[in-house]
């Protein structure tokens, strides 16, 4: 009698939960694909808007090492003092601590 009640309760619980498991598997993959496409478009837009971005260890091209990009008043931009032989370069709202050969040592976005 105990086994029968237990089995009946177990079958009732499984039958109640089975539709939920099937529903969790049902997904609209078109929505995921559209969302992915939108995310890729946003990334491409961001690349176009801020084309001048370099990371530590990369070299800034010579045209951005020109006098118009070099920041002499680093205090005004709330930047740390550059070590001897280094200088700050400001491009598109980003500040790059670089060596004279253009190798990026540090990156600060927005000051």
PDB file of N, CA and C in Angstrom:
ATOM      1  N   UNK A   1       0.815  -1.191   0.000  1.00  0.00           N
ATOM      2  CA  UNK A   1       0.000   0.000   0.000  1.00  0.00           C
ATOM      3  C   UNK A   1       0.861   1.258   0.000  1.00  0.00           C
ATOM      4  N   UNK A   2       1.929   1.234   0.828  1.00  0.00           N
ATOM      5  CA  UNK A   2       2.828   2.389   0.893  1.00  0.00           C
ATOM      6  C   UNK A   2       3.520   2.610  -0.450  1.00  0.00           C
ATOM      7  N   UNK A   3       3.961   1.497  -1.069  1.00  0.00           N
ATOM      8  CA  UNK A   3       4.632   1.603  -2.369  1.00  0.00           C
ATOM      9  C   UNK A   3       3.694   2.177  -3.422  1.00  0.00           C
ATOM     10  N   UNK A   4       2.467   1.776  -3.396  1.00  0.00           N
ATOM     11  CA  UNK A   4       1.492   2.239  -4.373  1.00  0.00           C
ATOM     12  C   UNK A   4       1.244   3.733  -4.215  1.00  0.00           C
ATOM     13  N   UNK A   5       1.139   4.210  -2.981  1.00  0.00           N
ATOM     14  CA  UNK A   5       0.935   5.640  -2.755  1.00  0.00           C
ATOM     15  C   UNK A   5       2.162   6.442  -3.214  1.00  0.00           C
ATOM     16  N   UNK A   6       3.330   5.897  -2.892  1.00  0.00           N
ATOM     17  CA  UNK A   6       4.566   6.585  -3.280  1.00  0.00           C
ATOM     18  C   UNK A   6       4.695   6.671  -4.807  1.00  0.00           C
ATOM     19  N   UNK A   7       4.443   5.545  -5.491  1.00  0.00           N
ATOM     20  CA  UNK A   7       4.524   5.530  -6.949  1.00  0.00           C
ATOM     21  C   UNK A   7       3.485   6.453  -7.575  1.00  0.00           C
ATOM     22  N   UNK A   8       2.288   6.466  -7.004  1.00  0.00           N
ATOM     23  CA  UNK A   8       1.230   7.330  -7.526  1.00  0.00           C
ATOM     24  C   UNK A   8       1.615   8.804  -7.360  1.00  0.00           C
ATOM     25  N   UNK A   9       2.200   9.150  -6.201  1.00  0.00           N
ATOM     26  CA  UNK A   9       2.636  10.532  -5.959  1.00  0.00           C
ATOM     27  C   UNK A   9       3.763  10.924  -6.911  1.00  0.00           C
ATOM     28  N   UNK A  10       4.678   9.994  -7.119  1.00  0.00           N
ATOM     29  CA  UNK A  10       5.802  10.252  -8.019  1.00  0.00           C
ATOM     30  C   UNK A  10       5.319  10.468  -9.453  1.00  0.00           C
ATOM     31  N   UNK A  11       4.390   9.639  -9.918  1.00  0.00           N
ATOM     32  CA  UNK A  11       3.861   9.784 -11.272  1.00  0.00           C
ATOM     33  C   UNK A  11       3.092  11.101 -11.422  1.00  0.00           C
ATOM     34  N   UNK A  12       2.366  11.474 -10.398  1.00  0.00           N
ATOM     35  CA  UNK A  12       1.628  12.732 -10.429  1.00  0.00           C
ATOM     36  C   UNK A  12       2.588  13.922 -10.518  1.00  0.00           C
ATOM     37  N   UNK A  13       3.671  13.885  -9.744  1.00  0.00           N
ATOM     38  CA  UNK A  13       4.656  14.971  -9.762  1.00  0.00           C
ATOM     39  C   UNK A  13       5.341  15.056 -11.126  1.00  0.00           C
ATOM     40  N   UNK A  14       5.718  13.917 -11.688  1.00  0.00           N
ATOM     41  CA  UNK A  14       6.374  13.906 -13.002  1.00  0.00           C
ATOM     42  C   UNK A  14       5.429  14.432 -14.075  1.00  0.00           C
ATOM     43  N   UNK A  15       4.176  14.013 -14.039  1.00  0.00           N
ATOM     44  CA  UNK A  15       3.229  14.473 -15.056  1.00  0.00           C
ATOM     45  C   UNK A  15       2.943  15.968 -14.924  1.00  0.00           C
ATOM     46  N   UNK A  16       3.048  16.495 -13.713  1.00  0.00           N
ATOM     47  CA  UNK A  16       2.818  17.938 -13.515  1.00  0.00           C
ATOM     48  C   UNK A  16       4.018  18.749 -14.012  1.00  0.00           C
ATOM     49  N   UNK A  17       5.227  18.212 -13.891  1.00  0.00           N
ATOM     50  CA  UNK A  17       6.429  18.950 -14.271  1.00  0.00           C
ATOM     51  C   UNK A  17       6.850  18.738 -15.728  1.00  0.00           C
ATOM     52  N   UNK A  18       6.387  17.700 -16.362  1.00  0.00           N
ATOM     53  CA  UNK A  18       6.790  17.395 -17.740  1.00  0.00           C
ATOM     54  C   UNK A  18       6.471  18.530 -18.716  1.00  0.00           C
ATOM     55  N   UNK A  19       5.286  19.141 -18.679  1.00  0.00           N
ATOM     56  CA  UNK A  19       5.026  20.237 -19.620  1.00  0.00           C
ATOM     57  C   UNK A  19       5.963  21.435 -19.408  1.00  0.00           C
ATOM     58  N   UNK A  20       6.367  21.665 -18.178  1.00  0.00           N
ATOM     59  CA  UNK A  20       7.275  22.777 -17.918  1.00  0.00           C
ATOM     60  C   UNK A  20       8.639  22.532 -18.550  1.00  0.00           C
ATOM     61  N   UNK A  21       9.124  21.326 -18.492  1.00  0.00           N
ATOM     62  CA  UNK A  21      10.420  20.999 -19.085  1.00  0.00           C
ATOM     63  C   UNK A  21      10.367  21.165 -20.608  1.00  0.00           C
ATOM     64  N   UNK A  22       9.274  20.753 -21.211  1.00  0.00           N
ATOM     65  CA  UNK A  22       9.126  20.918 -22.655  1.00  0.00           C
ATOM     66  C   UNK A  22       9.055  22.369 -23.058  1.00  0.00           C
ATOM     67  N   UNK A  23       8.406  23.171 -22.246  1.00  0.00           N
ATOM     68  CA  UNK A  23       8.288  24.596 -22.524  1.00  0.00           C
ATOM     69  C   UNK A  23       9.642  25.292 -22.413  1.00  0.00           C
ATOM     70  N   UNK A  24      10.484  24.876 -21.488  1.00  0.00           N
ATOM     71  CA  UNK A  24      11.798  25.487 -21.308  1.00  0.00           C
ATOM     72  C   UNK A  24      12.685  25.220 -22.520  1.00  0.00           C
ATOM     73  N   UNK A  25      12.469  24.125 -23.208  1.00  0.00           N
ATOM     74  CA  UNK A  25      13.279  23.790 -24.374  1.00  0.00           C
ATOM     75  C   UNK A  25      12.866  24.571 -25.613  1.00  0.00           C
ATOM     76  N   UNK A  26      11.626  24.997 -25.669  1.00  0.00           N
ATOM     77  CA  UNK A  26      11.112  25.684 -26.849  1.00  0.00           C
ATOM     78  C   UNK A  26      11.657  27.113 -26.897  1.00  0.00           C
ATOM     79  N   UNK A  27      12.433  27.426 -27.941  1.00  0.00           N
ATOM     80  CA  UNK A  27      13.018  28.762 -28.059  1.00  0.00           C
ATOM     81  C   UNK A  27      12.812  29.276 -29.476  1.00  0.00           C
ATOM     82  N   UNK A  28      12.723  30.564 -29.588  1.00  0.00           N
ATOM     83  CA  UNK A  28      12.611  31.201 -30.888  1.00  0.00           C
ATOM     84  C   UNK A  28      14.010  31.641 -31.309  1.00  0.00           C
ATOM     85  N   UNK A  29      14.657  30.831 -32.133  1.00  0.00           N
ATOM     86  CA  UNK A  29      16.040  31.103 -32.520  1.00  0.00           C
ATOM     87  C   UNK A  29      16.149  32.312 -33.450  1.00  0.00           C
ATOM     88  N   UNK A  30      15.071  32.665 -34.121  1.00  0.00           N
ATOM     89  CA  UNK A  30      15.122  33.861 -34.959  1.00  0.00           C
ATOM     90  C   UNK A  30      15.376  35.098 -34.110  1.00  0.00           C
ATOM     91  N   UNK A  31      14.782  35.162 -32.936  1.00  0.00           N
ATOM     92  CA  UNK A  31      14.976  36.304 -32.039  1.00  0.00           C
ATOM     93  C   UNK A  31      16.436  36.384 -31.613  1.00  0.00           C
ATOM     94  N   UNK A  32      17.058  35.245 -31.291  1.00  0.00           N
ATOM     95  CA  UNK A  32      18.468  35.234 -30.900  1.00  0.00           C
ATOM     96  C   UNK A  32      19.349  35.713 -32.045  1.00  0.00           C
ATOM     97  N   UNK A  33      19.050  35.264 -33.255  1.00  0.00           N
ATOM     98  CA  UNK A  33      19.856  35.646 -34.417  1.00  0.00           C
ATOM     99  C   UNK A  33      19.745  37.153 -34.668  1.00  0.00           C
ATOM    100  N   UNK A  34      18.531  37.694 -34.573  1.00  0.00           N
ATOM    101  CA  UNK A  34      18.344  39.132 -34.775  1.00  0.00           C
ATOM    102  C   UNK A  34      19.090  39.919 -33.706  1.00  0.00           C
ATOM    103  N   UNK A  35      19.043  39.434 -32.492  1.00  0.00           N
ATOM    104  CA  UNK A  35      19.728  40.117 -31.396  1.00  0.00           C
ATOM    105  C   UNK A  35      21.235  40.090 -31.618  1.00  0.00           C
ATOM    106  N   UNK A  36      21.760  38.960 -32.099  1.00  0.00           N
ATOM    107  CA  UNK A  36      23.197  38.854 -32.381  1.00  0.00           C
ATOM    108  C   UNK A  36      23.595  39.823 -33.489  1.00  0.00           C
ATOM    109  N   UNK A  37      22.802  39.900 -34.549  1.00  0.00           N
ATOM    110  CA  UNK A  37      23.098  40.812 -35.648  1.00  0.00           C
ATOM    111  C   UNK A  37      23.129  42.256 -35.165  1.00  0.00           C
ATOM    112  N   UNK A  38      22.211  42.607 -34.287  1.00  0.00           N
ATOM    113  CA  UNK A  38      22.163  43.967 -33.753  1.00  0.00           C
ATOM    114  C   UNK A  38      23.423  44.265 -32.938  1.00  0.00           C
ATOM    115  N   UNK A  39      23.876  43.291 -32.156  1.00  0.00           N
ATOM    116  CA  UNK A  39      25.066  43.469 -31.327  1.00  0.00           C
ATOM    117  C   UNK A  39      26.300  43.660 -32.217  1.00  0.00           C
ATOM    118  N   UNK A  40      26.404  42.906 -33.303  1.00  0.00           N
ATOM    119  CA  UNK A  40      27.531  43.044 -34.222  1.00  0.00           C
ATOM    120  C   UNK A  40      27.513  44.419 -34.879  1.00  0.00           C
ATOM    121  N   UNK A  41      26.320  44.883 -35.273  1.00  0.00           N
ATOM    122  CA  UNK A  41      26.216  46.215 -35.873  1.00  0.00           C
ATOM    123  C   UNK A  41      26.657  47.293 -34.893  1.00  0.00           C
ATOM    124  N   UNK A  42      26.295  47.143 -33.610  1.00  0.00           N
ATOM    125  CA  UNK A  42      26.700  48.129 -32.606  1.00  0.00           C
ATOM    126  C   UNK A  42      28.220  48.129 -32.450  1.00  0.00           C
ATOM    127  N   UNK A  43      28.834  46.947 -32.471  1.00  0.00           N
ATOM    128  CA  UNK A  43      30.291  46.873 -32.361  1.00  0.00           C
ATOM    129  C   UNK A  43      30.961  47.546 -33.546  1.00  0.00           C
ATOM    130  N   UNK A  44      30.440  47.323 -34.729  1.00  0.00           N
ATOM    131  CA  UNK A  44      31.025  47.950 -35.926  1.00  0.00           C
ATOM    132  C   UNK A  44      30.889  49.468 -35.861  1.00  0.00           C
ATOM    133  N   UNK A  45      29.734  49.947 -35.365  1.00  0.00           N
ATOM    134  CA  UNK A  45      29.536  51.388 -35.223  1.00  0.00           C
ATOM    135  C   UNK A  45      30.539  51.969 -34.240  1.00  0.00           C
ATOM    136  N   UNK A  46      30.762  51.289 -33.151  1.00  0.00           N
ATOM    137  CA  UNK A  46      31.715  51.777 -32.150  1.00  0.00           C
ATOM    138  C   UNK A  46      33.117  51.837 -32.736  1.00  0.00           C
ATOM    139  N   UNK A  47      33.476  50.863 -33.579  1.00  0.00           N
ATOM    140  CA  UNK A  47      34.796  50.884 -34.210  1.00  0.00           C
ATOM    141  C   UNK A  47      34.931  52.081 -35.139  1.00  0.00           C
ATOM    142  N   UNK A  48      33.872  52.417 -35.854  1.00  0.00           N
ATOM    143  CA  UNK A  48      33.945  53.565 -36.761  1.00  0.00           C
ATOM    144  C   UNK A  48      34.025  54.869 -35.985  1.00  0.00           C
ATOM    145  N   UNK A  49      33.288  54.949 -34.873  1.00  0.00           N
ATOM    146  CA  UNK A  49      33.260  56.200 -34.124  1.00  0.00           C
ATOM    147  C   UNK A  49      34.582  56.482 -33.429  1.00  0.00           C
ATOM    148  N   UNK A  50      35.245  55.463 -32.919  1.00  0.00           N
ATOM    149  CA  UNK A  50      36.509  55.671 -32.229  1.00  0.00           C
ATOM    150  C   UNK A  50      37.564  54.816 -32.914  1.00  0.00           C
ATOM    151  N   UNK A  51      37.965  55.238 -34.088  1.00  0.00           N
ATOM    152  CA  UNK A  51      38.924  54.475 -34.878  1.00  0.00           C
ATOM    153  C   UNK A  51      40.325  54.573 -34.300  1.00  0.00           C
ATOM    154  N   UNK A  52      40.608  55.593 -33.511  1.00  0.00           N
ATOM    155  CA  UNK A  52      41.952  55.808 -32.985  1.00  0.00           C
ATOM    156  C   UNK A  52      42.013  55.333 -31.544  1.00  0.00           C
ATOM    157  N   UNK A  53      42.239  54.048 -31.365  1.00  0.00           N
ATOM    158  CA  UNK A  53      42.351  53.480 -30.021  1.00  0.00           C
ATOM    159  C   UNK A  53      43.480  52.459 -30.041  1.00  0.00           C
ATOM    160  N   UNK A  54      44.390  52.629 -29.101  1.00  0.00           N
ATOM    161  CA  UNK A  54      45.533  51.726 -29.022  1.00  0.00           C
ATOM    162  C   UNK A  54      45.617  51.154 -27.619  1.00  0.00           C
ATOM    163  N   UNK A  55      46.195  49.989 -27.506  1.00  0.00           N
ATOM    164  CA  UNK A  55      46.380  49.322 -26.223  1.00  0.00           C
ATOM    165  C   UNK A  55      47.845  49.344 -25.828  1.00  0.00           C
ATOM    166  N   UNK A  56      48.099  49.011 -24.587  1.00  0.00           N
ATOM    167  CA  UNK A  56      49.460  48.959 -24.082  1.00  0.00           C
ATOM    168  C   UNK A  56      50.289  47.988 -24.930  1.00  0.00           C
ATOM    169  N   UNK A  57      51.482  48.429 -25.301  1.00  0.00           N
ATOM    170  CA  UNK A  57      52.371  47.598 -26.116  1.00  0.00           C
ATOM    171  C   UNK A  57      52.258  47.851 -27.606  1.00  0.00           C
ATOM    172  N   UNK A  58      51.211  48.532 -28.038  1.00  0.00           N
ATOM    173  CA  UNK A  58      51.063  48.869 -29.460  1.00  0.00           C
ATOM    174  C   UNK A  58      51.782  50.187 -29.739  1.00  0.00           C
ATOM    175  N   UNK A  59      51.989  50.477 -31.012  1.00  0.00           N
ATOM    176  CA  UNK A  59      52.635  51.731 -31.402  1.00  0.00           C
ATOM    177  C   UNK A  59      51.616  52.691 -32.002  1.00  0.00           C
ATOM    178  N   UNK A  60      51.680  53.922 -31.544  1.00  0.00           N
ATOM    179  CA  UNK A  60      50.854  54.976 -32.121  1.00  0.00           C
ATOM    180  C   UNK A  60      51.523  55.418 -33.417  1.00  0.00           C
ATOM    181  N   UNK A  61      50.779  55.565 -34.510  1.00  0.00           N
ATOM    182  CA  UNK A  61      51.371  55.987 -35.780  1.00  0.00           C
ATOM    183  C   UNK A  61      52.050  57.355 -35.663  1.00  0.00           C
ATOM    184  N   UNK A  62      53.053  57.611 -36.496  1.00  0.00           N
ATOM    185  CA  UNK A  62      53.810  58.873 -36.416  1.00  0.00           C
ATOM    186  C   UNK A  62      52.946  60.126 -36.514  1.00  0.00           C
ATOM    187  N   UNK A  63      51.859  60.086 -37.275  1.00  0.00           N
ATOM    188  CA  UNK A  63      51.026  61.290 -37.419  1.00  0.00           C
ATOM    189  C   UNK A  63      50.364  61.697 -36.106  1.00  0.00           C
ATOM    190  N   UNK A  64      50.229  60.773 -35.152  1.00  0.00           N
ATOM    191  CA  UNK A  64      49.656  61.112 -33.851  1.00  0.00           C
ATOM    192  C   UNK A  64      50.729  61.436 -32.807  1.00  0.00           C
ATOM    193  N   UNK A  65      51.969  61.422 -33.221  1.00  0.00           N
ATOM    194  CA  UNK A  65      53.056  61.834 -32.320  1.00  0.00           C
ATOM    195  C   UNK A  65      53.452  63.273 -32.610  1.00  0.00           C
ATOM    196  N   UNK A  66      52.687  63.935 -33.439  1.00  0.00           N
ATOM    197  CA  UNK A  66      52.948  65.316 -33.814  1.00  0.00           C
ATOM    198  C   UNK A  66      52.633  66.249 -32.640  1.00  0.00           C
ATOM    199  N   UNK A  67      53.144  67.457 -32.689  1.00  0.00           N
ATOM    200  CA  UNK A  67      53.012  68.430 -31.605  1.00  0.00           C
ATOM    201  C   UNK A  67      51.555  68.700 -31.217  1.00  0.00           C
ATOM    202  N   UNK A  68      50.629  68.655 -32.187  1.00  0.00           N
ATOM    203  CA  UNK A  68      49.236  68.983 -31.873  1.00  0.00           C
ATOM    204  C   UNK A  68      48.575  67.949 -30.963  1.00  0.00           C
ATOM    205  N   UNK A  69      49.114  66.731 -30.861  1.00  0.00           N
ATOM    206  CA  UNK A  69      48.528  65.687 -30.019  1.00  0.00           C
ATOM    207  C   UNK A  69      49.251  65.534 -28.677  1.00  0.00           C
ATOM    208  N   UNK A  70      50.469  66.045 -28.567  1.00  0.00           N
ATOM    209  CA  UNK A  70      51.238  65.901 -27.331  1.00  0.00           C
ATOM    210  C   UNK A  70      50.669  66.826 -26.260  1.00  0.00           C
ATOM    211  N   UNK A  71      50.500  66.296 -25.056  1.00  0.00           N
ATOM    212  CA  UNK A  71      49.924  67.061 -23.950  1.00  0.00           C
ATOM    213  C   UNK A  71      51.050  67.453 -23.002  1.00  0.00           C
ATOM    214  N   UNK A  72      51.323  68.764 -22.948  1.00  0.00           N
ATOM    215  CA  UNK A  72      52.332  69.277 -22.030  1.00  0.00           C
ATOM    216  C   UNK A  72      51.734  69.587 -20.659  1.00  0.00           C
ATOM    217  N   UNK A  73      50.465  70.008 -20.633  1.00  0.00           N
ATOM    218  CA  UNK A  73      49.813  70.382 -19.371  1.00  0.00           C
ATOM    219  C   UNK A  73      49.044  69.188 -18.793  1.00  0.00           C
ATOM    220  N   UNK A  74      49.772  68.136 -18.431  1.00  0.00           N
ATOM    221  CA  UNK A  74      49.159  66.905 -17.946  1.00  0.00           C
ATOM    222  C   UNK A  74      48.382  67.124 -16.647  1.00  0.00           C
ATOM    223  N   UNK A  75      48.752  68.104 -15.848  1.00  0.00           N
ATOM    224  CA  UNK A  75      48.010  68.384 -14.599  1.00  0.00           C
ATOM    225  C   UNK A  75      46.583  68.847 -14.911  1.00  0.00           C
ATOM    226  N   UNK A  76      46.446  69.678 -15.919  1.00  0.00           N
ATOM    227  CA  UNK A  76      45.131  70.194 -16.296  1.00  0.00           C
ATOM    228  C   UNK A  76      44.196  69.070 -16.730  1.00  0.00           C
ATOM    229  N   UNK A  77      44.755  68.020 -17.303  1.00  0.00           N
ATOM    230  CA  UNK A  77      43.966  66.867 -17.755  1.00  0.00           C
ATOM    231  C   UNK A  77      43.862  65.791 -16.674  1.00  0.00           C
ATOM    232  N   UNK A  78      44.356  66.109 -15.478  1.00  0.00           N
ATOM    233  CA  UNK A  78      44.348  65.178 -14.335  1.00  0.00           C
ATOM    234  C   UNK A  78      45.078  63.880 -14.641  1.00  0.00           C
ATOM    235  N   UNK A  79      46.220  63.999 -15.263  1.00  0.00           N
ATOM    236  CA  UNK A  79      47.048  62.844 -15.584  1.00  0.00           C
ATOM    237  C   UNK A  79      48.257  62.827 -14.658  1.00  0.00           C
ATOM    238  N   UNK A  80      48.826  61.661 -14.479  1.00  0.00           N
ATOM    239  CA  UNK A  80      50.022  61.560 -13.644  1.00  0.00           C
ATOM    240  C   UNK A  80      51.222  62.107 -14.414  1.00  0.00           C
ATOM    241  N   UNK A  81      52.247  62.551 -13.715  1.00  0.00           N
ATOM    242  CA  UNK A  81      53.420  63.069 -14.413  1.00  0.00           C
ATOM    243  C   UNK A  81      54.100  61.952 -15.204  1.00  0.00           C
ATOM    244  N   UNK A  82      54.459  62.222 -16.442  1.00  0.00           N
ATOM    245  CA  UNK A  82      55.105  61.173 -17.236  1.00  0.00           C
ATOM    246  C   UNK A  82      56.537  60.931 -16.743  1.00  0.00           C
ATOM    247  N   UNK A  83      56.988  59.688 -16.764  1.00  0.00           N
ATOM    248  CA  UNK A  83      58.379  59.418 -16.417  1.00  0.00           C
ATOM    249  C   UNK A  83      59.315  60.082 -17.426  1.00  0.00           C
ATOM    250  N   UNK A  84      60.565  60.235 -17.046  1.00  0.00           N
ATOM    251  CA  UNK A  84      61.542  60.846 -17.938  1.00  0.00           C
ATOM    252  C   UNK A  84      61.591  60.081 -19.268  1.00  0.00           C
ATOM    253  N   UNK A  85      61.539  60.820 -20.345  1.00  0.00           N
ATOM    254  CA  UNK A  85      61.590  60.222 -21.671  1.00  0.00           C
ATOM    255  C   UNK A  85      60.228  59.854 -22.251  1.00  0.00           C
ATOM    256  N   UNK A  86      59.172  59.944 -21.478  1.00  0.00           N
ATOM    257  CA  UNK A  86      57.809  59.629 -21.933  1.00  0.00           C
ATOM    258  C   UNK A  86      57.010  60.922 -22.037  1.00  0.00           C
ATOM    259  N   UNK A  87      55.890  60.882 -22.751  1.00  0.00           N
ATOM    260  CA  UNK A  87      54.983  62.027 -22.823  1.00  0.00           C
ATOM    261  C   UNK A  87      53.562  61.518 -23.047  1.00  0.00           C
ATOM    262  N   UNK A  88      52.609  62.378 -22.730  1.00  0.00           N
ATOM    263  CA  UNK A  88      51.197  62.042 -22.931  1.00  0.00           C
ATOM    264  C   UNK A  88      50.760  62.489 -24.311  1.00  0.00           C
ATOM    265  N   UNK A  89      49.964  61.645 -24.965  1.00  0.00           N
ATOM    266  CA  UNK A  89      49.372  61.957 -26.266  1.00  0.00           C
ATOM    267  C   UNK A  89      47.863  61.853 -26.095  1.00  0.00           C
ATOM    268  N   UNK A  90      47.129  62.867 -26.561  1.00  0.00           N
ATOM    269  CA  UNK A  90      45.672  62.856 -26.461  1.00  0.00           C
ATOM    270  C   UNK A  90      45.025  62.724 -27.825  1.00  0.00           C
ATOM    271  N   UNK A  91      44.221  61.671 -27.991  1.00  0.00           N
ATOM    272  CA  UNK A  91      43.522  61.432 -29.265  1.00  0.00           C
ATOM    273  C   UNK A  91      42.114  60.942 -28.954  1.00  0.00           C
ATOM    274  N   UNK A  92      41.092  61.633 -29.473  1.00  0.00           N
ATOM    275  CA  UNK A  92      39.678  61.215 -29.363  1.00  0.00           C
ATOM    276  C   UNK A  92      39.252  60.929 -27.922  1.00  0.00           C
ATOM    277  N   UNK A  93      39.642  61.747 -26.982  1.00  0.00           N
ATOM    278  CA  UNK A  93      39.227  61.567 -25.599  1.00  0.00           C
ATOM    279  C   UNK A  93      40.014  60.533 -24.825  1.00  0.00           C
ATOM    280  N   UNK A  94      40.992  59.911 -25.456  1.00  0.00           N
ATOM    281  CA  UNK A  94      41.852  58.943 -24.779  1.00  0.00           C
ATOM    282  C   UNK A  94      43.237  59.531 -24.610  1.00  0.00           C
ATOM    283  N   UNK A  95      43.891  59.189 -23.513  1.00  0.00           N
ATOM    284  CA  UNK A  95      45.241  59.681 -23.248  1.00  0.00           C
ATOM    285  C   UNK A  95      46.189  58.496 -23.192  1.00  0.00           C
ATOM    286  N   UNK A  96      47.297  58.615 -23.894  1.00  0.00           N
ATOM    287  CA  UNK A  96      48.250  57.532 -24.029  1.00  0.00           C
ATOM    288  C   UNK A  96      49.619  58.000 -23.557  1.00  0.00           C
ATOM    289  N   UNK A  97      50.196  57.283 -22.610  1.00  0.00           N
ATOM    290  CA  UNK A  97      51.551  57.562 -22.158  1.00  0.00           C
ATOM    291  C   UNK A  97      52.477  56.774 -23.071  1.00  0.00           C
ATOM    292  N   UNK A  98      53.291  57.492 -23.851  1.00  0.00           N
ATOM    293  CA  UNK A  98      54.092  56.832 -24.877  1.00  0.00           C
ATOM    294  C   UNK A  98      55.569  57.209 -24.767  1.00  0.00           C
ATOM    295  N   UNK A  99      56.396  56.324 -25.309  1.00  0.00           N
ATOM    296  CA  UNK A  99      57.820  56.603 -25.451  1.00  0.00           C
ATOM    297  C   UNK A  99      57.998  57.438 -26.709  1.00  0.00           C
ATOM    298  N   UNK A 100      59.172  58.010 -26.921  1.00  0.00           N
ATOM    299  CA  UNK A 100      59.392  58.796 -28.145  1.00  0.00           C
ATOM    300  C   UNK A 100      59.195  58.002 -29.434  1.00  0.00           C
ATOM    301  N   UNK A 101      59.403  56.678 -29.380  1.00  0.00           N
ATOM    302  CA  UNK A 101      59.201  55.872 -30.590  1.00  0.00           C
ATOM    303  C   UNK A 101      57.742  55.482 -30.805  1.00  0.00           C
ATOM    304  N   UNK A 102      56.831  55.927 -29.900  1.00  0.00           N
ATOM    305  CA  UNK A 102      55.399  55.701 -30.084  1.00  0.00           C
ATOM    306  C   UNK A 102      54.847  54.484 -29.388  1.00  0.00           C
ATOM    307  N   UNK A 103      55.674  53.736 -28.652  1.00  0.00           N
ATOM    308  CA  UNK A 103      55.195  52.555 -27.946  1.00  0.00           C
ATOM    309  C   UNK A 103      54.338  52.980 -26.753  1.00  0.00           C
ATOM    310  N   UNK A 104      53.109  52.463 -26.678  1.00  0.00           N
ATOM    311  CA  UNK A 104      52.174  52.843 -25.618  1.00  0.00           C
ATOM    312  C   UNK A 104      52.543  52.112 -24.329  1.00  0.00           C
ATOM    313  N   UNK A 105      52.710  52.895 -23.260  1.00  0.00           N
ATOM    314  CA  UNK A 105      53.033  52.337 -21.953  1.00  0.00           C
ATOM    315  C   UNK A 105      51.801  52.280 -21.057  1.00  0.00           C
ATOM    316  N   UNK A 106      50.903  53.258 -21.190  1.00  0.00           N
ATOM    317  CA  UNK A 106      49.715  53.318 -20.350  1.00  0.00           C
ATOM    318  C   UNK A 106      48.576  53.980 -21.136  1.00  0.00           C
ATOM    319  N   UNK A 107      47.331  53.576 -20.840  1.00  0.00           N
ATOM    320  CA  UNK A 107      46.154  54.129 -21.520  1.00  0.00           C
ATOM    321  C   UNK A 107      45.175  54.632 -20.470  1.00  0.00           C
ATOM    322  N   UNK A 108      44.669  55.854 -20.650  1.00  0.00           N
ATOM    323  CA  UNK A 108      43.631  56.425 -19.796  1.00  0.00           C
ATOM    324  C   UNK A 108      42.543  56.980 -20.698  1.00  0.00           C
ATOM    325  N   UNK A 109      41.328  56.480 -20.543  1.00  0.00           N
ATOM    326  CA  UNK A 109      40.219  56.951 -21.365  1.00  0.00           C
ATOM    327  C   UNK A 109      39.443  58.008 -20.560  1.00  0.00           C
ATOM    328  N   UNK A 110      39.334  59.183 -21.098  1.00  0.00           N
ATOM    329  CA  UNK A 110      38.537  60.233 -20.488  1.00  0.00           C
ATOM    330  C   UNK A 110      39.214  61.025 -19.379  1.00  0.00           C
ATOM    331  N   UNK A 111      40.447  60.748 -19.078  1.00  0.00           N
ATOM    332  CA  UNK A 111      41.199  61.551 -18.106  1.00  0.00           C
ATOM    333  C   UNK A 111      40.937  61.310 -16.702  1.00  0.00           C
TER     334      UNK A 111
END
